Amino acid sequence: MSKKKVLVISTSLRAKSNSDALAREFAKGAESVGCEVEYVSLRGKKIAFCVGCLTCMETGKCAIQDDAAELERKILDVDVVVWATPIYYYEISGQMKTLIDRLNPIYSKDYRFRDVYLLTTAAEDAAFVPERAITAVEGWVACLPKARLKGTLFCGGVSAPDEIQGSPKLKEAFELGAGIVDA
């Protein structure tokens, strides 16, 4: 059996982001079981808003020339896509939503991935906090008939940079990553 290719996308733009810490632990877990893992941060990437021109539906590629095209190529060539995002106002980050909108060209392509994971963090620590973020990713996955939302992990009660350090959720992220070989 060939090893799975995993793309971990950290969508927070903040240094020492708590969601980024989850992303890195997930990546370490996947690497520990022999997966080929690529970690990408949206920090420093230029990703413009979709302008709704629908050129991508005719040509298979976006008319806007920025970093979204490279990320689309990476997503098309992996078995597993992992999104990590802070939750803002009970939703995914704006950067993540913008990238998802710009991934419209993949709908008509032969994408390889089947499993999608979502890692989230928030200042508020209530069970309902990640629900809308999960719904956002489920909406993306619903447009991709071969894909499924395979797993989610939420860590609440973390607000300040690097506040997640010492949280048992980091171990859970590692274990979630290590478990993808059996998924």
N, C-alpha and C. Protein backbone atom coordinates (compact mmCIF):
# COMPACT_ATOMS: atom_id res chain seq x y z
N MET A 1 0.85 -1.18 0.00
CA MET A 1 0.00 0.00 0.00
C MET A 1 0.89 1.24 0.00
N SER A 2 0.60 2.17 -0.87
CA SER A 2 1.40 3.40 -0.91
C SER A 2 1.00 4.32 0.24
N LYS A 3 1.94 5.14 0.64
CA LYS A 3 1.65 6.04 1.76
C LYS A 3 0.75 7.17 1.30
N LYS A 4 -0.08 7.63 2.22
CA LYS A 4 -1.01 8.70 1.91
C LYS A 4 -0.28 10.03 1.83
N LYS A 5 -0.73 10.85 0.89
CA LYS A 5 -0.24 12.23 0.78
C LYS A 5 -1.25 13.13 1.48
N VAL A 6 -0.73 13.96 2.38
CA VAL A 6 -1.58 14.80 3.22
C VAL A 6 -1.16 16.25 3.05
N LEU A 7 -2.13 17.12 2.87
CA LEU A 7 -1.87 18.55 2.82
C LEU A 7 -2.56 19.20 4.01
N VAL A 8 -1.78 19.82 4.88
CA VAL A 8 -2.30 20.51 6.05
C VAL A 8 -2.23 22.01 5.75
N ILE A 9 -3.38 22.67 5.78
CA ILE A 9 -3.47 24.10 5.46
C ILE A 9 -3.83 24.87 6.72
N SER A 10 -2.90 25.65 7.20
CA SER A 10 -3.12 26.51 8.37
C SER A 10 -3.59 27.87 7.87
N THR A 11 -4.78 28.28 8.27
CA THR A 11 -5.38 29.48 7.70
C THR A 11 -5.25 30.72 8.57
N SER A 12 -4.68 30.59 9.76
CA SER A 12 -4.52 31.76 10.63
C SER A 12 -3.35 32.61 10.14
N LEU A 13 -3.51 33.90 10.22
CA LEU A 13 -2.43 34.81 9.83
C LEU A 13 -1.61 35.29 11.02
N ARG A 14 -1.96 34.85 12.22
CA ARG A 14 -1.28 35.30 13.43
C ARG A 14 -0.09 34.43 13.75
N ALA A 15 1.01 35.05 14.16
CA ALA A 15 2.19 34.31 14.63
C ALA A 15 1.81 33.58 15.91
N LYS A 16 2.34 32.39 16.08
CA LYS A 16 2.09 31.54 17.26
C LYS A 16 0.60 31.28 17.45
N SER A 17 -0.07 31.06 16.35
CA SER A 17 -1.50 30.79 16.35
C SER A 17 -1.82 29.46 17.02
N ASN A 18 -2.90 29.42 17.76
CA ASN A 18 -3.33 28.19 18.41
C ASN A 18 -3.81 27.15 17.40
N SER A 19 -4.53 27.59 16.37
CA SER A 19 -4.97 26.63 15.35
C SER A 19 -3.78 26.10 14.56
N ASP A 20 -2.76 26.93 14.38
CA ASP A 20 -1.54 26.48 13.70
C ASP A 20 -0.85 25.40 14.54
N ALA A 21 -0.87 25.52 15.86
CA ALA A 21 -0.28 24.50 16.72
C ALA A 21 -1.00 23.17 16.53
N LEU A 22 -2.33 23.20 16.42
CA LEU A 22 -3.07 21.96 16.13
C LEU A 22 -2.67 21.39 14.79
N ALA A 23 -2.54 22.26 13.79
CA ALA A 23 -2.15 21.82 12.44
C ALA A 23 -0.80 21.12 12.46
N ARG A 24 0.16 21.70 13.15
CA ARG A 24 1.50 21.12 13.20
C ARG A 24 1.51 19.78 13.94
N GLU A 25 0.70 19.66 14.98
CA GLU A 25 0.63 18.38 15.70
C GLU A 25 -0.03 17.31 14.84
N PHE A 26 -1.09 17.67 14.12
CA PHE A 26 -1.73 16.73 13.20
C PHE A 26 -0.69 16.25 12.18
N ALA A 27 0.06 17.19 11.63
CA ALA A 27 1.08 16.84 10.63
C ALA A 27 2.12 15.88 11.23
N LYS A 28 2.57 16.16 12.45
CA LYS A 28 3.54 15.26 13.10
C LYS A 28 2.95 13.86 13.28
N GLY A 29 1.69 13.79 13.66
CA GLY A 29 1.03 12.50 13.82
C GLY A 29 0.98 11.73 12.51
N ALA A 30 0.60 12.41 11.43
CA ALA A 30 0.54 11.76 10.12
C ALA A 30 1.93 11.31 9.67
N GLU A 31 2.93 12.14 9.90
CA GLU A 31 4.31 11.76 9.54
C GLU A 31 4.78 10.56 10.35
N SER A 32 4.35 10.46 11.60
CA SER A 32 4.80 9.37 12.47
C SER A 32 4.35 8.00 11.99
N VAL A 33 3.32 7.97 11.16
CA VAL A 33 2.85 6.69 10.62
C VAL A 33 3.20 6.54 9.14
N GLY A 34 4.13 7.36 8.66
CA GLY A 34 4.66 7.20 7.31
C GLY A 34 3.97 7.96 6.21
N CYS A 35 3.06 8.84 6.55
CA CYS A 35 2.41 9.64 5.51
C CYS A 35 3.38 10.70 4.99
N GLU A 36 3.19 11.05 3.74
CA GLU A 36 3.93 12.16 3.14
C GLU A 36 3.10 13.42 3.40
N VAL A 37 3.62 14.31 4.22
CA VAL A 37 2.86 15.47 4.68
C VAL A 37 3.48 16.76 4.18
N GLU A 38 2.63 17.63 3.66
CA GLU A 38 3.05 18.98 3.34
C GLU A 38 2.20 19.94 4.17
N TYR A 39 2.87 20.83 4.86
CA TYR A 39 2.22 21.85 5.67
C TYR A 39 2.31 23.16 4.90
N VAL A 40 1.19 23.87 4.80
CA VAL A 40 1.16 25.17 4.14
C VAL A 40 0.44 26.16 5.05
N SER A 41 1.02 27.32 5.22
CA SER A 41 0.37 28.39 5.96
C SER A 41 -0.10 29.45 4.99
N LEU A 42 -1.27 30.00 5.24
CA LEU A 42 -1.75 31.10 4.40
C LEU A 42 -1.10 32.42 4.79
N ARG A 43 -0.37 32.40 5.89
CA ARG A 43 0.35 33.59 6.32
C ARG A 43 1.36 33.96 5.24
N GLY A 44 1.26 35.17 4.73
CA GLY A 44 2.17 35.64 3.68
C GLY A 44 1.71 35.32 2.26
N LYS A 45 0.64 34.55 2.12
CA LYS A 45 0.12 34.23 0.79
C LYS A 45 -0.80 35.35 0.32
N LYS A 46 -0.80 35.57 -0.96
CA LYS A 46 -1.69 36.55 -1.59
C LYS A 46 -2.85 35.79 -2.23
N ILE A 47 -4.02 35.95 -1.66
CA ILE A 47 -5.21 35.27 -2.17
C ILE A 47 -6.33 36.30 -2.23
N ALA A 48 -6.67 36.67 -3.45
CA ALA A 48 -7.70 37.70 -3.66
C ALA A 48 -9.10 37.07 -3.57
N PHE A 49 -10.08 37.93 -3.35
CA PHE A 49 -11.46 37.48 -3.31
C PHE A 49 -11.91 37.02 -4.70
N CYS A 50 -12.76 36.01 -4.75
CA CYS A 50 -13.41 35.60 -5.99
C CYS A 50 -14.27 36.77 -6.47
N VAL A 51 -14.22 37.04 -7.77
CA VAL A 51 -15.02 38.13 -8.31
C VAL A 51 -16.27 37.63 -9.04
N GLY A 52 -16.49 36.32 -9.01
CA GLY A 52 -17.70 35.76 -9.59
C GLY A 52 -17.78 35.82 -11.10
N CYS A 53 -16.65 35.88 -11.77
CA CYS A 53 -16.66 35.99 -13.24
C CYS A 53 -16.98 34.66 -13.92
N LEU A 54 -16.82 33.55 -13.20
CA LEU A 54 -17.09 32.19 -13.68
C LEU A 54 -16.19 31.75 -14.83
N THR A 55 -15.08 32.45 -15.05
CA THR A 55 -14.10 32.02 -16.04
C THR A 55 -13.65 30.60 -15.74
N CYS A 56 -13.52 30.27 -14.47
CA CYS A 56 -13.06 28.95 -14.06
C CYS A 56 -13.98 27.84 -14.56
N MET A 57 -15.24 28.12 -14.70
CA MET A 57 -16.19 27.11 -15.18
C MET A 57 -15.99 26.83 -16.67
N GLU A 58 -15.47 27.81 -17.39
CA GLU A 58 -15.22 27.64 -18.82
C GLU A 58 -13.82 27.11 -19.12
N THR A 59 -12.84 27.60 -18.36
CA THR A 59 -11.45 27.28 -18.66
C THR A 59 -10.81 26.27 -17.71
N GLY A 60 -11.44 26.03 -16.55
CA GLY A 60 -10.87 25.13 -15.57
C GLY A 60 -9.81 25.77 -14.69
N LYS A 61 -9.61 27.08 -14.86
CA LYS A 61 -8.67 27.78 -13.98
C LYS A 61 -9.18 29.19 -13.72
N CYS A 62 -8.72 29.70 -12.60
CA CYS A 62 -9.15 31.03 -12.17
C CYS A 62 -8.44 32.10 -12.99
N ALA A 63 -9.16 33.16 -13.27
CA ALA A 63 -8.59 34.28 -14.03
C ALA A 63 -7.65 35.13 -13.19
N ILE A 64 -7.78 35.04 -11.86
CA ILE A 64 -6.94 35.83 -10.96
C ILE A 64 -5.60 35.13 -10.77
N GLN A 65 -4.53 35.85 -10.94
CA GLN A 65 -3.19 35.30 -10.80
C GLN A 65 -2.62 35.63 -9.42
N ASP A 66 -2.66 34.66 -8.53
CA ASP A 66 -2.09 34.82 -7.19
C ASP A 66 -1.76 33.44 -6.63
N ASP A 67 -1.60 33.34 -5.32
CA ASP A 67 -1.17 32.09 -4.71
C ASP A 67 -2.25 31.01 -4.66
N ALA A 68 -3.49 31.33 -4.95
CA ALA A 68 -4.56 30.34 -4.91
C ALA A 68 -4.33 29.23 -5.93
N ALA A 69 -3.79 29.55 -7.09
CA ALA A 69 -3.56 28.53 -8.13
C ALA A 69 -2.59 27.45 -7.65
N GLU A 70 -1.54 27.85 -6.97
CA GLU A 70 -0.58 26.88 -6.44
C GLU A 70 -1.23 25.98 -5.39
N LEU A 71 -2.05 26.57 -4.53
CA LEU A 71 -2.73 25.79 -3.51
C LEU A 71 -3.74 24.83 -4.13
N GLU A 72 -4.41 25.26 -5.18
CA GLU A 72 -5.33 24.37 -5.90
C GLU A 72 -4.57 23.16 -6.44
N ARG A 73 -3.42 23.38 -7.06
CA ARG A 73 -2.62 22.26 -7.60
C ARG A 73 -2.24 21.29 -6.49
N LYS A 74 -1.85 21.82 -5.35
CA LYS A 74 -1.48 20.96 -4.22
C LYS A 74 -2.67 20.13 -3.75
N ILE A 75 -3.83 20.76 -3.62
CA ILE A 75 -5.03 20.08 -3.15
C ILE A 75 -5.44 18.97 -4.11
N LEU A 76 -5.31 19.20 -5.38
CA LEU A 76 -5.70 18.19 -6.37
C LEU A 76 -4.86 16.92 -6.27
N ASP A 77 -3.65 17.03 -5.75
CA ASP A 77 -2.69 15.92 -5.78
C ASP A 77 -2.46 15.25 -4.43
N VAL A 78 -3.42 15.33 -3.50
CA VAL A 78 -3.25 14.67 -2.21
C VAL A 78 -4.43 13.76 -1.92
N ASP A 79 -4.23 12.87 -0.94
CA ASP A 79 -5.29 11.96 -0.51
C ASP A 79 -6.14 12.56 0.60
N VAL A 80 -5.53 13.46 1.39
CA VAL A 80 -6.18 14.02 2.57
C VAL A 80 -5.94 15.53 2.61
N VAL A 81 -7.00 16.29 2.85
CA VAL A 81 -6.90 17.74 3.03
C VAL A 81 -7.28 18.04 4.48
N VAL A 82 -6.41 18.79 5.16
CA VAL A 82 -6.66 19.16 6.55
C VAL A 82 -6.70 20.69 6.63
N TRP A 83 -7.80 21.22 7.10
CA TRP A 83 -7.95 22.65 7.31
C TRP A 83 -7.78 22.94 8.79
N ALA A 84 -7.03 23.95 9.13
CA ALA A 84 -6.90 24.42 10.52
C ALA A 84 -7.25 25.90 10.53
N THR A 85 -8.18 26.27 11.40
CA THR A 85 -8.64 27.66 11.41
C THR A 85 -9.02 28.12 12.81
N PRO A 86 -8.73 29.38 13.11
CA PRO A 86 -9.32 29.96 14.30
C PRO A 86 -10.79 30.22 13.98
N ILE A 87 -11.61 30.22 14.99
CA ILE A 87 -13.03 30.54 14.81
C ILE A 87 -13.22 32.00 15.18
N TYR A 88 -13.74 32.76 14.22
CA TYR A 88 -14.07 34.16 14.43
C TYR A 88 -15.57 34.32 14.27
N TYR A 89 -16.23 34.85 15.26
CA TYR A 89 -17.67 35.05 15.21
C TYR A 89 -18.39 33.76 14.82
N TYR A 90 -17.94 32.67 15.41
CA TYR A 90 -18.53 31.34 15.23
C TYR A 90 -18.42 30.80 13.80
N GLU A 91 -17.41 31.24 13.07
CA GLU A 91 -17.22 30.81 11.68
C GLU A 91 -15.74 30.57 11.41
N ILE A 92 -15.47 30.03 10.22
CA ILE A 92 -14.09 29.85 9.78
C ILE A 92 -13.46 31.22 9.53
N SER A 93 -12.15 31.26 9.45
CA SER A 93 -11.46 32.53 9.19
C SER A 93 -11.80 33.04 7.79
N GLY A 94 -11.72 34.33 7.63
CA GLY A 94 -11.96 34.94 6.32
C GLY A 94 -10.99 34.42 5.26
N GLN A 95 -9.74 34.19 5.66
CA GLN A 95 -8.74 33.69 4.72
C GLN A 95 -9.14 32.31 4.21
N MET A 96 -9.65 31.48 5.10
CA MET A 96 -10.06 30.14 4.69
C MET A 96 -11.25 30.22 3.75
N LYS A 97 -12.23 31.04 4.08
CA LYS A 97 -13.40 31.18 3.22
C LYS A 97 -13.01 31.72 1.84
N THR A 98 -12.11 32.68 1.81
CA THR A 98 -11.65 33.23 0.53
C THR A 98 -10.98 32.15 -0.31
N LEU A 99 -10.13 31.33 0.31
CA LEU A 99 -9.47 30.26 -0.45
C LEU A 99 -10.49 29.24 -0.93
N ILE A 100 -11.42 28.85 -0.08
CA ILE A 100 -12.43 27.88 -0.52
C ILE A 100 -13.20 28.42 -1.72
N ASP A 101 -13.57 29.69 -1.69
CA ASP A 101 -14.26 30.29 -2.83
C ASP A 101 -13.42 30.21 -4.10
N ARG A 102 -12.14 30.42 -3.94
CA ARG A 102 -11.23 30.41 -5.10
C ARG A 102 -10.92 28.99 -5.59
N LEU A 103 -11.30 27.97 -4.85
CA LEU A 103 -11.07 26.59 -5.27
C LEU A 103 -12.18 26.07 -6.18
N ASN A 104 -13.04 26.95 -6.63
CA ASN A 104 -14.13 26.58 -7.52
C ASN A 104 -13.68 25.74 -8.72
N PRO A 105 -12.50 25.99 -9.32
CA PRO A 105 -12.11 25.19 -10.48
C PRO A 105 -11.95 23.69 -10.21
N ILE A 106 -11.77 23.27 -8.96
CA ILE A 106 -11.56 21.83 -8.73
C ILE A 106 -12.84 21.02 -8.89
N TYR A 107 -13.99 21.65 -8.81
CA TYR A 107 -15.23 20.90 -8.88
C TYR A 107 -15.36 20.08 -10.15
N SER A 108 -14.85 20.58 -11.24
CA SER A 108 -14.96 19.87 -12.52
C SER A 108 -13.72 19.05 -12.85
N LYS A 109 -12.78 18.98 -11.91
CA LYS A 109 -11.54 18.24 -12.15
C LYS A 109 -11.54 16.91 -11.40
N ASP A 110 -10.60 16.06 -11.75
CA ASP A 110 -10.46 14.76 -11.10
C ASP A 110 -9.57 14.91 -9.88
N TYR A 111 -10.15 15.44 -8.82
CA TYR A 111 -9.40 15.61 -7.58
C TYR A 111 -9.15 14.24 -6.95
N ARG A 112 -8.04 14.12 -6.26
CA ARG A 112 -7.61 12.84 -5.69
C ARG A 112 -8.10 12.63 -4.26
N PHE A 113 -8.21 13.70 -3.48
CA PHE A 113 -8.51 13.53 -2.06
C PHE A 113 -9.92 12.99 -1.84
N ARG A 114 -10.05 12.25 -0.76
CA ARG A 114 -11.34 11.73 -0.34
C ARG A 114 -11.69 12.19 1.07
N ASP A 115 -10.66 12.29 1.92
CA ASP A 115 -10.89 12.63 3.32
C ASP A 115 -10.49 14.07 3.61
N VAL A 116 -11.36 14.74 4.38
CA VAL A 116 -11.14 16.12 4.79
C VAL A 116 -11.27 16.17 6.31
N TYR A 117 -10.35 16.89 6.95
CA TYR A 117 -10.38 17.09 8.40
C TYR A 117 -10.43 18.58 8.68
N LEU A 118 -11.01 18.93 9.83
CA LEU A 118 -11.10 20.32 10.25
C LEU A 118 -10.64 20.44 11.69
N LEU A 119 -9.65 21.30 11.92
CA LEU A 119 -9.11 21.59 13.24
C LEU A 119 -9.45 23.03 13.57
N THR A 120 -10.06 23.28 14.73
CA THR A 120 -10.50 24.63 15.06
C THR A 120 -10.12 25.01 16.49
N THR A 121 -9.93 26.31 16.69
CA THR A 121 -9.68 26.85 18.02
C THR A 121 -10.52 28.11 18.19
N ALA A 122 -10.82 28.44 19.46
CA ALA A 122 -11.59 29.65 19.73
C ALA A 122 -11.36 30.09 21.17
N ALA A 123 -11.63 31.35 21.42
CA ALA A 123 -11.54 31.88 22.77
C ALA A 123 -12.65 31.29 23.64
N GLU A 124 -13.82 31.17 23.08
CA GLU A 124 -14.95 30.62 23.83
C GLU A 124 -14.86 29.10 23.86
N ASP A 125 -15.22 28.52 24.99
CA ASP A 125 -15.09 27.07 25.16
C ASP A 125 -16.43 26.43 25.46
N ALA A 126 -17.31 26.45 24.48
CA ALA A 126 -18.61 25.78 24.62
C ALA A 126 -18.76 24.81 23.46
N ALA A 127 -19.46 23.73 23.68
CA ALA A 127 -19.57 22.67 22.66
C ALA A 127 -20.14 23.18 21.33
N PHE A 128 -21.01 24.17 21.37
CA PHE A 128 -21.64 24.65 20.13
C PHE A 128 -20.71 25.54 19.28
N VAL A 129 -19.63 26.01 19.84
CA VAL A 129 -18.78 27.01 19.16
C VAL A 129 -18.33 26.59 17.76
N PRO A 130 -17.87 25.35 17.53
CA PRO A 130 -17.39 25.00 16.18
C PRO A 130 -18.48 24.62 15.18
N GLU A 131 -19.74 24.59 15.60
CA GLU A 131 -20.80 24.08 14.72
C GLU A 131 -20.87 24.78 13.36
N ARG A 132 -20.82 26.10 13.33
CA ARG A 132 -20.93 26.82 12.05
C ARG A 132 -19.68 26.63 11.20
N ALA A 133 -18.54 26.52 11.83
CA ALA A 133 -17.31 26.25 11.09
C ALA A 133 -17.38 24.87 10.43
N ILE A 134 -17.89 23.91 11.18
CA ILE A 134 -18.07 22.56 10.62
C ILE A 134 -19.06 22.61 9.47
N THR A 135 -20.15 23.34 9.64
CA THR A 135 -21.14 23.47 8.57
C THR A 135 -20.53 24.09 7.32
N ALA A 136 -19.64 25.07 7.49
CA ALA A 136 -18.98 25.69 6.33
C ALA A 136 -18.17 24.66 5.55
N VAL A 137 -17.42 23.84 6.25
CA VAL A 137 -16.60 22.82 5.58
C VAL A 137 -17.50 21.73 4.99
N GLU A 138 -18.56 21.38 5.68
CA GLU A 138 -19.51 20.41 5.12
C GLU A 138 -20.11 20.93 3.82
N GLY A 139 -20.34 22.25 3.74
CA GLY A 139 -20.85 22.85 2.50
C GLY A 139 -19.87 22.69 1.36
N TRP A 140 -18.57 22.88 1.65
CA TRP A 140 -17.54 22.69 0.62
C TRP A 140 -17.50 21.23 0.20
N VAL A 141 -17.48 20.33 1.16
CA VAL A 141 -17.41 18.90 0.89
C VAL A 141 -18.64 18.42 0.12
N ALA A 142 -19.80 18.99 0.41
CA ALA A 142 -21.02 18.59 -0.28
C ALA A 142 -20.94 18.84 -1.78
N CYS A 143 -20.11 19.78 -2.19
CA CYS A 143 -19.93 20.08 -3.62
C CYS A 143 -18.90 19.15 -4.27
N LEU A 144 -18.31 18.29 -3.49
CA LEU A 144 -17.27 17.37 -3.97
C LEU A 144 -17.74 15.95 -3.70
N PRO A 145 -18.43 15.32 -4.65
CA PRO A 145 -19.09 14.04 -4.38
C PRO A 145 -18.18 12.90 -3.94
N LYS A 146 -16.90 12.97 -4.25
CA LYS A 146 -16.00 11.89 -3.84
C LYS A 146 -15.37 12.13 -2.48
N ALA A 147 -15.62 13.28 -1.88
CA ALA A 147 -14.98 13.64 -0.61
C ALA A 147 -15.96 13.52 0.56
N ARG A 148 -15.38 13.44 1.76
CA ARG A 148 -16.19 13.39 2.98
C ARG A 148 -15.44 14.08 4.11
N LEU A 149 -16.18 14.67 5.02
CA LEU A 149 -15.59 15.24 6.22
C LEU A 149 -15.35 14.07 7.16
N LYS A 150 -14.09 13.70 7.31
CA LYS A 150 -13.71 12.50 8.05
C LYS A 150 -13.56 12.74 9.54
N GLY A 151 -13.12 13.95 9.93
CA GLY A 151 -12.93 14.20 11.34
C GLY A 151 -12.78 15.66 11.65
N THR A 152 -13.12 16.01 12.90
CA THR A 152 -12.98 17.38 13.38
C THR A 152 -12.38 17.35 14.77
N LEU A 153 -11.74 18.44 15.13
CA LEU A 153 -11.20 18.61 16.48
C LEU A 153 -11.32 20.08 16.85
N PHE A 154 -11.85 20.34 18.04
CA PHE A 154 -12.04 21.70 18.52
C PHE A 154 -11.31 21.88 19.85
N CYS A 155 -10.62 22.99 19.98
CA CYS A 155 -10.00 23.38 21.24
C CYS A 155 -10.48 24.78 21.59
N GLY A 156 -11.32 24.88 22.59
CA GLY A 156 -11.81 26.17 23.05
C GLY A 156 -11.03 26.67 24.25
N GLY A 157 -11.28 27.91 24.60
CA GLY A 157 -10.63 28.49 25.77
C GLY A 157 -9.22 28.97 25.52
N VAL A 158 -8.88 29.15 24.24
CA VAL A 158 -7.54 29.65 23.90
C VAL A 158 -7.67 30.89 23.05
N SER A 159 -7.07 31.97 23.50
CA SER A 159 -7.19 33.24 22.80
C SER A 159 -5.83 33.86 22.49
N ALA A 160 -5.01 34.00 23.50
CA ALA A 160 -3.69 34.63 23.33
C ALA A 160 -2.79 33.73 22.48
N PRO A 161 -1.85 34.32 21.75
CA PRO A 161 -0.92 33.51 20.96
C PRO A 161 -0.24 32.44 21.82
N ASP A 162 -0.18 31.24 21.27
CA ASP A 162 0.50 30.10 21.90
C ASP A 162 -0.14 29.65 23.21
N GLU A 163 -1.34 30.10 23.51
CA GLU A 163 -2.01 29.72 24.76
C GLU A 163 -2.35 28.23 24.81
N ILE A 164 -2.38 27.60 23.67
CA ILE A 164 -2.75 26.18 23.57
C ILE A 164 -1.66 25.26 24.13
N GLN A 165 -0.45 25.77 24.29
CA GLN A 165 0.64 24.93 24.78
C GLN A 165 0.27 24.27 26.10
N GLY A 166 0.48 22.96 26.18
CA GLY A 166 0.13 22.19 27.37
C GLY A 166 -1.27 21.62 27.34
N SER A 167 -2.07 21.99 26.35
CA SER A 167 -3.43 21.47 26.24
C SER A 167 -3.42 20.02 25.77
N PRO A 168 -4.30 19.19 26.32
CA PRO A 168 -4.42 17.81 25.84
C PRO A 168 -4.92 17.74 24.40
N LYS A 169 -5.46 18.83 23.90
CA LYS A 169 -5.95 18.85 22.51
C LYS A 169 -4.79 18.70 21.51
N LEU A 170 -3.59 19.10 21.90
CA LEU A 170 -2.43 18.91 21.02
C LEU A 170 -2.17 17.42 20.82
N LYS A 171 -2.26 16.65 21.89
CA LYS A 171 -2.09 15.20 21.78
C LYS A 171 -3.21 14.60 20.93
N GLU A 172 -4.43 15.10 21.11
CA GLU A 172 -5.55 14.61 20.30
C GLU A 172 -5.32 14.91 18.81
N ALA A 173 -4.75 16.07 18.50
CA ALA A 173 -4.46 16.41 17.11
C ALA A 173 -3.41 15.45 16.55
N PHE A 174 -2.38 15.16 17.33
CA PHE A 174 -1.35 14.21 16.92
C PHE A 174 -1.99 12.84 16.63
N GLU A 175 -2.82 12.38 17.54
CA GLU A 175 -3.47 11.07 17.39
C GLU A 175 -4.43 11.04 16.21
N LEU A 176 -5.12 12.14 15.96
CA LEU A 176 -6.01 12.22 14.80
C LEU A 176 -5.19 12.08 13.52
N GLY A 177 -4.03 12.77 13.48
CA GLY A 177 -3.14 12.64 12.32
C GLY A 177 -2.59 11.23 12.18
N ALA A 178 -2.20 10.62 13.27
CA ALA A 178 -1.65 9.27 13.23
C ALA A 178 -2.71 8.24 12.83
N GLY A 179 -3.98 8.58 13.05
CA GLY A 179 -5.05 7.65 12.74
C GLY A 179 -5.51 7.65 11.29
N ILE A 180 -4.96 8.53 10.48
CA ILE A 180 -5.48 8.60 9.10
C ILE A 180 -5.08 7.40 8.26
N VAL A 181 -4.07 6.65 8.66
CA VAL A 181 -3.71 5.46 7.88
C VAL A 181 -4.78 4.39 7.99
N ASP A 182 -5.51 4.39 9.08
CA ASP A 182 -6.57 3.41 9.27
C ASP A 182 -7.92 3.90 8.76
N ALA A 183 -7.97 5.16 8.40
CA ALA A 183 -9.25 5.75 8.00
C ALA A 183 -9.68 5.31 6.62
